[in-house]
């Protein structure tokens, strides 16, 4: 429960960036839709079609970097521009991963047919039927696309937004082994992706005006659920990454330790000194 309270507190502290996630993302999406409608009859229109994607990418980098830094609240971090530029690498990683998953999706019918043909006649008829194998492979690709890839990339992206390329690898590794993080990724995928997809599973009925109103309502509900799930997942990642930092501080790993020096005659304030990673050195030798 403390984790969830901490996540909500961080969202409240970064309320400006969180609000921008809702309205700025909508503007970027609308700009993308408008980009596909720009004609190319004149030179300025061709220039606009080339410039607009760069503007949208820059706006997306500023939005996500600001949100990640606002949720994490790290004092020792790189400049905003450096953190934003490092996110380009993780965007490229996601793009490559999704391109591979798209290739897998295109080959699912072929793989399902092959696996079905390799089973025995009884298994093909009862267990390993073609529709069932097709469903299993489709679900597997969905899990990798919306759970595994985001769960792997988001912690590294948040860390890069704070520290650039000087990433706390052991802290990130501990976070990837944390069951709370994977639970949050699963919940966010179910609420932000799977649930909104069911909004459009049924055909609308009624008058044209009623259908237009219901379609707008479904689009708004799906959009709000997706953005809210994204923000909550970022806040959840910031909480767990910060808790891992606290745990690292207890073990002399990837952290700055507070050394009390106020017990002397002059009552000086405490200072932060880096401790070595060696366990023997961290305990101190007489």
C-alpha atoms as a PDB file:
ATOM      1  CA  UNK A   1       0.000   0.000   0.000  1.00  0.00           C
ATOM      2  CA  UNK A   2       2.901   2.355   0.705  1.00  0.00           C
ATOM      3  CA  UNK A   3       4.138   1.842  -2.849  1.00  0.00           C
ATOM      4  CA  UNK A   4       0.811   2.939  -4.298  1.00  0.00           C
ATOM      5  CA  UNK A   5       0.612   5.963  -2.008  1.00  0.00           C
ATOM      6  CA  UNK A   6       4.131   6.952  -3.029  1.00  0.00           C
ATOM      7  CA  UNK A   7       3.180   6.622  -6.705  1.00  0.00           C
ATOM      8  CA  UNK A   8       0.107   8.830  -6.260  1.00  0.00           C
ATOM      9  CA  UNK A   9       2.187  11.359  -4.340  1.00  0.00           C
ATOM     10  CA  UNK A  10       4.685  11.538  -7.194  1.00  0.00           C
ATOM     11  CA  UNK A  11       1.867  12.048  -9.681  1.00  0.00           C
ATOM     12  CA  UNK A  12       0.618  14.937  -7.556  1.00  0.00           C
ATOM     13  CA  UNK A  13       4.084  16.487  -7.445  1.00  0.00           C
ATOM     14  CA  UNK A  14       4.417  16.259 -11.246  1.00  0.00           C
ATOM     15  CA  UNK A  15       0.825  17.284 -11.944  1.00  0.00           C
ATOM     16  CA  UNK A  16       1.884  19.738 -14.629  1.00  0.00           C
ATOM     17  CA  UNK A  17       3.668  17.081 -16.684  1.00  0.00           C
ATOM     18  CA  UNK A  18       0.932  14.548 -15.930  1.00  0.00           C
ATOM     19  CA  UNK A  19      -1.717  16.940 -17.251  1.00  0.00           C
ATOM     20  CA  UNK A  20       0.461  17.511 -20.324  1.00  0.00           C
ATOM     21  CA  UNK A  21       0.402  13.767 -20.967  1.00  0.00           C
ATOM     22  CA  UNK A  22      -3.336  14.047 -21.637  1.00  0.00           C
ATOM     23  CA  UNK A  23      -3.566  17.221 -23.696  1.00  0.00           C
ATOM     24  CA  UNK A  24      -0.138  17.246 -25.362  1.00  0.00           C
ATOM     25  CA  UNK A  25      -0.398  13.615 -26.448  1.00  0.00           C
ATOM     26  CA  UNK A  26      -3.770  14.417 -27.989  1.00  0.00           C
ATOM     27  CA  UNK A  27      -2.231  17.323 -29.896  1.00  0.00           C
ATOM     28  CA  UNK A  28       0.581  15.077 -31.143  1.00  0.00           C
ATOM     29  CA  UNK A  29      -1.934  12.464 -32.304  1.00  0.00           C
ATOM     30  CA  UNK A  30      -4.025  15.108 -34.075  1.00  0.00           C
ATOM     31  CA  UNK A  31      -0.891  16.504 -35.684  1.00  0.00           C
ATOM     32  CA  UNK A  32      -0.055  13.008 -36.908  1.00  0.00           C
ATOM     33  CA  UNK A  33      -3.521  12.631 -38.408  1.00  0.00           C
ATOM     34  CA  UNK A  34      -3.172  16.030 -40.062  1.00  0.00           C
ATOM     35  CA  UNK A  35       0.250  15.053 -41.399  1.00  0.00           C
ATOM     36  CA  UNK A  36      -1.301  12.178 -43.338  1.00  0.00           C
ATOM     37  CA  UNK A  37      -3.760  14.631 -44.918  1.00  0.00           C
ATOM     38  CA  UNK A  38      -1.239  17.232 -46.116  1.00  0.00           C
ATOM     39  CA  UNK A  39      -1.126  17.360 -49.930  1.00  0.00           C
ATOM     40  CA  UNK A  40       2.169  17.568 -51.779  1.00  0.00           C
ATOM     41  CA  UNK A  41       1.327  19.894 -54.641  1.00  0.00           C
ATOM     42  CA  UNK A  42       3.592  22.761 -53.573  1.00  0.00           C
ATOM     43  CA  UNK A  43       7.119  23.007 -52.201  1.00  0.00           C
ATOM     44  CA  UNK A  44       5.990  24.315 -48.817  1.00  0.00           C
ATOM     45  CA  UNK A  45       3.637  21.350 -48.470  1.00  0.00           C
ATOM     46  CA  UNK A  46       6.470  18.923 -49.179  1.00  0.00           C
ATOM     47  CA  UNK A  47       8.596  20.748 -46.621  1.00  0.00           C
ATOM     48  CA  UNK A  48       5.775  20.525 -44.091  1.00  0.00           C
ATOM     49  CA  UNK A  49       5.458  16.772 -44.591  1.00  0.00           C
ATOM     50  CA  UNK A  50       9.191  16.437 -43.889  1.00  0.00           C
ATOM     51  CA  UNK A  51       9.327  18.859 -40.949  1.00  0.00           C
ATOM     52  CA  UNK A  52       6.160  17.876 -39.090  1.00  0.00           C
ATOM     53  CA  UNK A  53       7.379  14.380 -38.060  1.00  0.00           C
ATOM     54  CA  UNK A  54      10.527  15.924 -36.579  1.00  0.00           C
ATOM     55  CA  UNK A  55       8.439  18.433 -34.639  1.00  0.00           C
ATOM     56  CA  UNK A  56       6.185  15.661 -33.324  1.00  0.00           C
ATOM     57  CA  UNK A  57       9.212  13.574 -32.307  1.00  0.00           C
ATOM     58  CA  UNK A  58      10.786  16.538 -30.497  1.00  0.00           C
ATOM     59  CA  UNK A  59       7.507  17.262 -28.702  1.00  0.00           C
ATOM     60  CA  UNK A  60       7.217  13.616 -27.678  1.00  0.00           C
ATOM     61  CA  UNK A  61      10.781  13.587 -26.334  1.00  0.00           C
ATOM     62  CA  UNK A  62      10.198  16.750 -24.297  1.00  0.00           C
ATOM     63  CA  UNK A  63       6.911  15.420 -22.942  1.00  0.00           C
ATOM     64  CA  UNK A  64       8.190  12.003 -21.891  1.00  0.00           C
ATOM     65  CA  UNK A  65      11.513  13.278 -20.545  1.00  0.00           C
ATOM     66  CA  UNK A  66       9.803  15.943 -18.470  1.00  0.00           C
ATOM     67  CA  UNK A  67       7.280  13.451 -17.114  1.00  0.00           C
ATOM     68  CA  UNK A  68       9.915  10.879 -16.197  1.00  0.00           C
ATOM     69  CA  UNK A  69      12.125  13.457 -14.505  1.00  0.00           C
ATOM     70  CA  UNK A  70       9.160  15.013 -12.712  1.00  0.00           C
ATOM     71  CA  UNK A  71       8.040  11.657 -11.320  1.00  0.00           C
ATOM     72  CA  UNK A  72      11.497  10.579 -10.207  1.00  0.00           C
ATOM     73  CA  UNK A  73      12.714  13.829  -8.599  1.00  0.00           C
ATOM     74  CA  UNK A  74      16.428  13.028  -8.692  1.00  0.00           C
ATOM     75  CA  UNK A  75      18.882  15.740  -7.598  1.00  0.00           C
ATOM     76  CA  UNK A  76      21.987  14.314  -9.264  1.00  0.00           C
ATOM     77  CA  UNK A  77      21.036  14.117 -12.919  1.00  0.00           C
ATOM     78  CA  UNK A  78      22.124  15.246 -16.353  1.00  0.00           C
ATOM     79  CA  UNK A  79      20.750  18.201 -18.277  1.00  0.00           C
ATOM     80  CA  UNK A  80      17.275  17.971 -19.765  1.00  0.00           C
ATOM     81  CA  UNK A  81      18.527  17.909 -23.357  1.00  0.00           C
ATOM     82  CA  UNK A  82      20.942  15.062 -22.640  1.00  0.00           C
ATOM     83  CA  UNK A  83      18.231  13.024 -20.965  1.00  0.00           C
ATOM     84  CA  UNK A  84      15.861  13.658 -23.880  1.00  0.00           C
ATOM     85  CA  UNK A  85      18.408  12.639 -26.503  1.00  0.00           C
ATOM     86  CA  UNK A  86      19.195   9.379 -24.751  1.00  0.00           C
ATOM     87  CA  UNK A  87      15.527   8.440 -24.997  1.00  0.00           C
ATOM     88  CA  UNK A  88      15.978   8.258 -28.761  1.00  0.00           C
ATOM     89  CA  UNK A  89      17.982   5.075 -28.284  1.00  0.00           C
ATOM     90  CA  UNK A  90      15.196   3.390 -26.299  1.00  0.00           C
ATOM     91  CA  UNK A  91      12.617   4.553 -28.841  1.00  0.00           C
ATOM     92  CA  UNK A  92      14.758   2.882 -31.490  1.00  0.00           C
ATOM     93  CA  UNK A  93      14.927  -0.285 -29.382  1.00  0.00           C
ATOM     94  CA  UNK A  94      11.116  -0.366 -29.116  1.00  0.00           C
ATOM     95  CA  UNK A  95      10.775   0.291 -32.843  1.00  0.00           C
ATOM     96  CA  UNK A  96      13.113  -2.587 -33.688  1.00  0.00           C
ATOM     97  CA  UNK A  97      11.372  -4.915 -31.242  1.00  0.00           C
ATOM     98  CA  UNK A  98       7.945  -4.049 -32.645  1.00  0.00           C
ATOM     99  CA  UNK A  99       9.214  -4.513 -36.210  1.00  0.00           C
ATOM    100  CA  UNK A 100      10.315  -8.030 -35.264  1.00  0.00           C
ATOM    101  CA  UNK A 101       6.947  -8.681 -33.614  1.00  0.00           C
ATOM    102  CA  UNK A 102       5.158  -7.399 -36.729  1.00  0.00           C
ATOM    103  CA  UNK A 103       7.173  -9.891 -38.765  1.00  0.00           C
ATOM    104  CA  UNK A 104       6.167 -12.621 -36.328  1.00  0.00           C
ATOM    105  CA  UNK A 105       2.513 -11.584 -36.607  1.00  0.00           C
ATOM    106  CA  UNK A 106       2.636 -11.902 -40.376  1.00  0.00           C
ATOM    107  CA  UNK A 107       4.038 -15.432 -40.068  1.00  0.00           C
ATOM    108  CA  UNK A 108       1.651 -16.660 -37.367  1.00  0.00           C
ATOM    109  CA  UNK A 109      -0.735 -18.388 -39.833  1.00  0.00           C
ATOM    110  CA  UNK A 110       2.188 -20.220 -41.422  1.00  0.00           C
ATOM    111  CA  UNK A 111       3.606 -21.296 -38.055  1.00  0.00           C
ATOM    112  CA  UNK A 112       0.186 -22.361 -36.797  1.00  0.00           C
ATOM    113  CA  UNK A 113      -0.328 -24.485 -39.892  1.00  0.00           C
ATOM    114  CA  UNK A 114       3.097 -26.081 -39.501  1.00  0.00           C
ATOM    115  CA  UNK A 115       2.619 -26.870 -35.799  1.00  0.00           C
ATOM    116  CA  UNK A 116      -0.818 -28.262 -36.502  1.00  0.00           C
ATOM    117  CA  UNK A 117       0.577 -30.526 -39.216  1.00  0.00           C
ATOM    118  CA  UNK A 118       3.293 -31.841 -36.904  1.00  0.00           C
ATOM    119  CA  UNK A 119       0.799 -33.057 -34.279  1.00  0.00           C
ATOM    120  CA  UNK A 120      -0.857 -36.439 -34.385  1.00  0.00           C
ATOM    121  CA  UNK A 121      -4.289 -36.832 -35.972  1.00  0.00           C
ATOM    122  CA  UNK A 122      -5.990 -37.054 -32.603  1.00  0.00           C
ATOM    123  CA  UNK A 123      -4.111 -34.054 -31.203  1.00  0.00           C
ATOM    124  CA  UNK A 124      -4.890 -32.011 -34.321  1.00  0.00           C
ATOM    125  CA  UNK A 125      -8.570 -32.695 -33.854  1.00  0.00           C
ATOM    126  CA  UNK A 126      -8.847 -32.216 -30.089  1.00  0.00           C
ATOM    127  CA  UNK A 127      -6.003 -30.114 -28.672  1.00  0.00           C
ATOM    128  CA  UNK A 128      -3.645 -28.619 -31.248  1.00  0.00           C
ATOM    129  CA  UNK A 129      -6.263 -27.406 -33.658  1.00  0.00           C
ATOM    130  CA  UNK A 130      -5.328 -24.695 -36.133  1.00  0.00           C
ATOM    131  CA  UNK A 131      -7.579 -21.976 -34.591  1.00  0.00           C
ATOM    132  CA  UNK A 132      -6.304 -22.784 -31.107  1.00  0.00           C
ATOM    133  CA  UNK A 133      -2.629 -22.624 -32.118  1.00  0.00           C
ATOM    134  CA  UNK A 134      -3.361 -19.393 -33.974  1.00  0.00           C
ATOM    135  CA  UNK A 135      -4.885 -17.953 -30.806  1.00  0.00           C
ATOM    136  CA  UNK A 136      -1.951 -19.070 -28.658  1.00  0.00           C
ATOM    137  CA  UNK A 137       0.662 -17.556 -30.962  1.00  0.00           C
ATOM    138  CA  UNK A 138      -1.300 -14.320 -31.284  1.00  0.00           C
ATOM    139  CA  UNK A 139      -1.568 -14.061 -27.501  1.00  0.00           C
ATOM    140  CA  UNK A 140       2.165 -14.742 -27.165  1.00  0.00           C
ATOM    141  CA  UNK A 141       3.035 -11.919 -29.570  1.00  0.00           C
ATOM    142  CA  UNK A 142       0.614  -9.618 -27.714  1.00  0.00           C
ATOM    143  CA  UNK A 143       2.320 -10.405 -24.402  1.00  0.00           C
ATOM    144  CA  UNK A 144       5.737  -9.594 -25.827  1.00  0.00           C
ATOM    145  CA  UNK A 145       4.483  -6.407 -27.504  1.00  0.00           C
ATOM    146  CA  UNK A 146       2.575  -4.890 -24.602  1.00  0.00           C
ATOM    147  CA  UNK A 147       4.148  -6.432 -21.481  1.00  0.00           C
ATOM    148  CA  UNK A 148       7.662  -7.792 -22.026  1.00  0.00           C
ATOM    149  CA  UNK A 149       9.072  -5.044 -24.257  1.00  0.00           C
ATOM    150  CA  UNK A 150       7.666  -2.122 -22.192  1.00  0.00           C
ATOM    151  CA  UNK A 151       8.694  -3.781 -18.917  1.00  0.00           C
ATOM    152  CA  UNK A 152      12.246  -4.152 -20.199  1.00  0.00           C
ATOM    153  CA  UNK A 153      12.594  -0.697 -21.741  1.00  0.00           C
ATOM    154  CA  UNK A 154      10.730   1.654 -19.386  1.00  0.00           C
ATOM    155  CA  UNK A 155      13.111   1.309 -16.386  1.00  0.00           C
ATOM    156  CA  UNK A 156      16.112   1.969 -18.639  1.00  0.00           C
ATOM    157  CA  UNK A 157      14.348   4.926 -20.263  1.00  0.00           C
ATOM    158  CA  UNK A 158      13.529   6.493 -16.881  1.00  0.00           C
ATOM    159  CA  UNK A 159      17.102   5.993 -15.718  1.00  0.00           C
ATOM    160  CA  UNK A 160      18.444   7.516 -18.951  1.00  0.00           C
ATOM    161  CA  UNK A 161      16.203  10.545 -18.507  1.00  0.00           C
ATOM    162  CA  UNK A 162      17.882  11.114 -15.130  1.00  0.00           C
ATOM    163  CA  UNK A 163      21.509  10.075 -15.655  1.00  0.00           C
ATOM    164  CA  UNK A 164      22.068   9.791 -19.400  1.00  0.00           C
ATOM    165  CA  UNK A 165      24.357   6.863 -20.154  1.00  0.00           C
ATOM    166  CA  UNK A 166      25.650   6.472 -16.601  1.00  0.00           C
ATOM    167  CA  UNK A 167      23.019   3.934 -15.704  1.00  0.00           C
ATOM    168  CA  UNK A 168      22.881   2.047 -12.384  1.00  0.00           C
ATOM    169  CA  UNK A 169      22.871  -1.368 -14.029  1.00  0.00           C
ATOM    170  CA  UNK A 170      22.681  -3.422 -10.848  1.00  0.00           C
ATOM    171  CA  UNK A 171      19.756  -1.353  -9.578  1.00  0.00           C
ATOM    172  CA  UNK A 172      17.979  -1.815 -12.898  1.00  0.00           C
ATOM    173  CA  UNK A 173      18.683  -5.541 -12.816  1.00  0.00           C
ATOM    174  CA  UNK A 174      17.156  -5.788  -9.333  1.00  0.00           C
ATOM    175  CA  UNK A 175      14.102  -3.911 -10.547  1.00  0.00           C
ATOM    176  CA  UNK A 176      13.631  -6.295 -13.471  1.00  0.00           C
ATOM    177  CA  UNK A 177      13.620  -9.145 -10.963  1.00  0.00           C
ATOM    178  CA  UNK A 178      11.016  -7.424  -8.788  1.00  0.00           C
ATOM    179  CA  UNK A 179       7.621  -9.109  -9.076  1.00  0.00           C
ATOM    180  CA  UNK A 180       5.864  -5.839  -8.221  1.00  0.00           C
ATOM    181  CA  UNK A 181       7.194  -4.267 -11.404  1.00  0.00           C
ATOM    182  CA  UNK A 182       5.961  -7.104 -13.591  1.00  0.00           C
ATOM    183  CA  UNK A 183       2.586  -7.044 -11.855  1.00  0.00           C
ATOM    184  CA  UNK A 184       2.312  -3.340 -12.608  1.00  0.00           C
ATOM    185  CA  UNK A 185       3.258  -3.916 -16.254  1.00  0.00           C
ATOM    186  CA  UNK A 186       0.594  -6.617 -16.590  1.00  0.00           C
ATOM    187  CA  UNK A 187      -2.104  -4.462 -14.977  1.00  0.00           C
ATOM    188  CA  UNK A 188      -1.194  -1.468 -17.156  1.00  0.00           C
ATOM    189  CA  UNK A 189      -1.355  -3.601 -20.316  1.00  0.00           C
ATOM    190  CA  UNK A 190      -4.728  -5.027 -19.358  1.00  0.00           C
ATOM    191  CA  UNK A 191      -6.245  -1.649 -18.443  1.00  0.00           C
ATOM    192  CA  UNK A 192      -4.564   0.483 -21.086  1.00  0.00           C
ATOM    193  CA  UNK A 193      -4.577  -1.854 -24.099  1.00  0.00           C
ATOM    194  CA  UNK A 194      -6.770  -4.925 -23.715  1.00  0.00           C
ATOM    195  CA  UNK A 195      -9.769  -3.279 -22.038  1.00  0.00           C
ATOM    196  CA  UNK A 196     -10.038  -0.367 -24.533  1.00  0.00           C
ATOM    197  CA  UNK A 197      -9.846  -2.827 -27.433  1.00  0.00           C
ATOM    198  CA  UNK A 198     -13.118  -4.381 -26.237  1.00  0.00           C
ATOM    199  CA  UNK A 199     -14.833  -0.997 -26.553  1.00  0.00           C
ATOM    200  CA  UNK A 200     -14.737  -1.396 -30.337  1.00  0.00           C
ATOM    201  CA  UNK A 201     -15.651  -5.085 -30.503  1.00  0.00           C
ATOM    202  CA  UNK A 202     -19.367  -4.449 -31.077  1.00  0.00           C
ATOM    203  CA  UNK A 203     -21.149  -2.664 -33.890  1.00  0.00           C
ATOM    204  CA  UNK A 204     -23.065   0.455 -32.935  1.00  0.00           C
ATOM    205  CA  UNK A 205     -26.794   0.620 -33.483  1.00  0.00           C
ATOM    206  CA  UNK A 206     -29.335   3.396 -33.451  1.00  0.00           C
ATOM    207  CA  UNK A 207     -29.611   6.693 -35.267  1.00  0.00           C
ATOM    208  CA  UNK A 208     -26.538   8.198 -36.969  1.00  0.00           C
ATOM    209  CA  UNK A 209     -26.378  10.918 -34.325  1.00  0.00           C
ATOM    210  CA  UNK A 210     -26.442   8.310 -31.563  1.00  0.00           C
ATOM    211  CA  UNK A 211     -23.729   6.288 -33.291  1.00  0.00           C
ATOM    212  CA  UNK A 212     -21.475   9.333 -33.665  1.00  0.00           C
ATOM    213  CA  UNK A 213     -21.918  10.204 -30.005  1.00  0.00           C
ATOM    214  CA  UNK A 214     -21.178   6.663 -28.861  1.00  0.00           C
ATOM    215  CA  UNK A 215     -18.128   6.457 -31.111  1.00  0.00           C
ATOM    216  CA  UNK A 216     -16.734   9.679 -29.658  1.00  0.00           C
ATOM    217  CA  UNK A 217     -17.440   8.369 -26.165  1.00  0.00           C
ATOM    218  CA  UNK A 218     -15.598   5.106 -26.897  1.00  0.00           C
ATOM    219  CA  UNK A 219     -12.622   6.955 -28.353  1.00  0.00           C
ATOM    220  CA  UNK A 220     -12.446   9.304 -25.343  1.00  0.00           C
ATOM    221  CA  UNK A 221     -12.724   6.434 -22.850  1.00  0.00           C
ATOM    222  CA  UNK A 222     -10.050   4.391 -24.634  1.00  0.00           C
ATOM    223  CA  UNK A 223      -7.729   7.407 -24.813  1.00  0.00           C
ATOM    224  CA  UNK A 224      -8.146   8.317 -21.144  1.00  0.00           C
ATOM    225  CA  UNK A 225      -7.595   4.716 -20.032  1.00  0.00           C
ATOM    226  CA  UNK A 226      -4.466   4.367 -22.164  1.00  0.00           C
ATOM    227  CA  UNK A 227      -2.868   7.623 -20.959  1.00  0.00           C
ATOM    228  CA  UNK A 228      -3.846   7.030 -17.320  1.00  0.00           C
ATOM    229  CA  UNK A 229      -2.336   3.535 -17.435  1.00  0.00           C
ATOM    230  CA  UNK A 230       0.845   4.932 -18.981  1.00  0.00           C
ATOM    231  CA  UNK A 231       1.209   7.623 -16.312  1.00  0.00           C
ATOM    232  CA  UNK A 232       0.549   5.171 -13.495  1.00  0.00           C
ATOM    233  CA  UNK A 233       3.105   2.747 -14.925  1.00  0.00           C
ATOM    234  CA  UNK A 234       5.740   5.491 -15.115  1.00  0.00           C
ATOM    235  CA  UNK A 235       5.009   6.515 -11.527  1.00  0.00           C
ATOM    236  CA  UNK A 236       5.153   2.861 -10.429  1.00  0.00           C
ATOM    237  CA  UNK A 237       8.529   2.462 -12.143  1.00  0.00           C
ATOM    238  CA  UNK A 238       9.834   5.632 -10.466  1.00  0.00           C
ATOM    239  CA  UNK A 239       8.750   4.350  -7.049  1.00  0.00           C
ATOM    240  CA  UNK A 240      10.360   0.936  -7.479  1.00  0.00           C
ATOM    241  CA  UNK A 241      13.536   2.400  -8.955  1.00  0.00           C
ATOM    242  CA  UNK A 242      13.804   4.797  -6.026  1.00  0.00           C
ATOM    243  CA  UNK A 243      13.159   1.973  -3.536  1.00  0.00           C
ATOM    244  CA  UNK A 244      15.920  -0.012  -5.227  1.00  0.00           C
ATOM    245  CA  UNK A 245      18.173   2.990  -4.744  1.00  0.00           C
ATOM    246  CA  UNK A 246      17.380   2.928  -1.037  1.00  0.00           C
ATOM    247  CA  UNK A 247      18.123  -0.781  -0.959  1.00  0.00           C
ATOM    248  CA  UNK A 248      21.370  -0.212  -2.787  1.00  0.00           C
ATOM    249  CA  UNK A 249      22.354   2.376  -0.229  1.00  0.00           C
ATOM    250  CA  UNK A 250      22.031  -0.241   2.499  1.00  0.00           C
ATOM    251  CA  UNK A 251      24.390  -2.598   0.672  1.00  0.00           C
ATOM    252  CA  UNK A 252      26.951  -0.072  -0.524  1.00  0.00           C
ATOM    253  CA  UNK A 253      25.801  -0.413  -4.142  1.00  0.00           C
ATOM    254  CA  UNK A 254      25.286   2.391  -6.685  1.00  0.00           C
ATOM    255  CA  UNK A 255      24.610   4.968  -3.984  1.00  0.00           C
ATOM    256  CA  UNK A 256      25.995   7.770  -1.853  1.00  0.00           C
ATOM    257  CA  UNK A 257      26.067   7.018   1.869  1.00  0.00           C
ATOM    258  CA  UNK A 258      25.319   9.528   4.607  1.00  0.00           C
ATOM    259  CA  UNK A 259      28.192   9.661   7.084  1.00  0.00           C
ATOM    260  CA  UNK A 260      27.377  11.397  10.388  1.00  0.00           C
ATOM    261  CA  UNK A 261      30.100  13.762  11.562  1.00  0.00           C
ATOM    262  CA  UNK A 262      28.060  15.783  14.000  1.00  0.00           C
ATOM    263  CA  UNK A 263      29.094  13.865  17.084  1.00  0.00           C
ATOM    264  CA  UNK A 264      32.339  15.779  17.548  1.00  0.00           C
ATOM    265  CA  UNK A 265      32.913  18.915  19.589  1.00  0.00           C
ATOM    266  CA  UNK A 266      31.997  21.241  16.720  1.00  0.00           C
ATOM    267  CA  UNK A 267      28.671  19.499  15.844  1.00  0.00           C
ATOM    268  CA  UNK A 268      29.214  19.642  12.075  1.00  0.00           C
ATOM    269  CA  UNK A 269      26.417  18.678   9.728  1.00  0.00           C
ATOM    270  CA  UNK A 270      26.323  15.308   8.058  1.00  0.00           C
ATOM    271  CA  UNK A 271      28.020  14.953   4.704  1.00  0.00           C
ATOM    272  CA  UNK A 272      27.634  12.497   1.835  1.00  0.00           C
ATOM    273  CA  UNK A 273      30.695  10.494   0.958  1.00  0.00           C
ATOM    274  CA  UNK A 274      30.979   7.783  -1.693  1.00  0.00           C
ATOM    275  CA  UNK A 275      31.780   4.381  -0.253  1.00  0.00           C
ATOM    276  CA  UNK A 276      33.548   1.649  -2.215  1.00  0.00           C
ATOM    277  CA  UNK A 277      31.559  -1.312  -3.473  1.00  0.00           C
ATOM    278  CA  UNK A 278      33.678  -3.907  -1.712  1.00  0.00           C
ATOM    279  CA  UNK A 279      31.870  -5.475   1.193  1.00  0.00           C
ATOM    280  CA  UNK A 280      34.959  -5.509   3.423  1.00  0.00           C
ATOM    281  CA  UNK A 281      35.761  -1.908   2.692  1.00  0.00           C
ATOM    282  CA  UNK A 282      32.151  -0.896   3.247  1.00  0.00           C
ATOM    283  CA  UNK A 283      32.180  -2.389   6.740  1.00  0.00           C
ATOM    284  CA  UNK A 284      35.483  -0.733   7.486  1.00  0.00           C
ATOM    285  CA  UNK A 285      38.751  -2.213   8.656  1.00  0.00           C
ATOM    286  CA  UNK A 286      40.487  -1.106  11.773  1.00  0.00           C
END
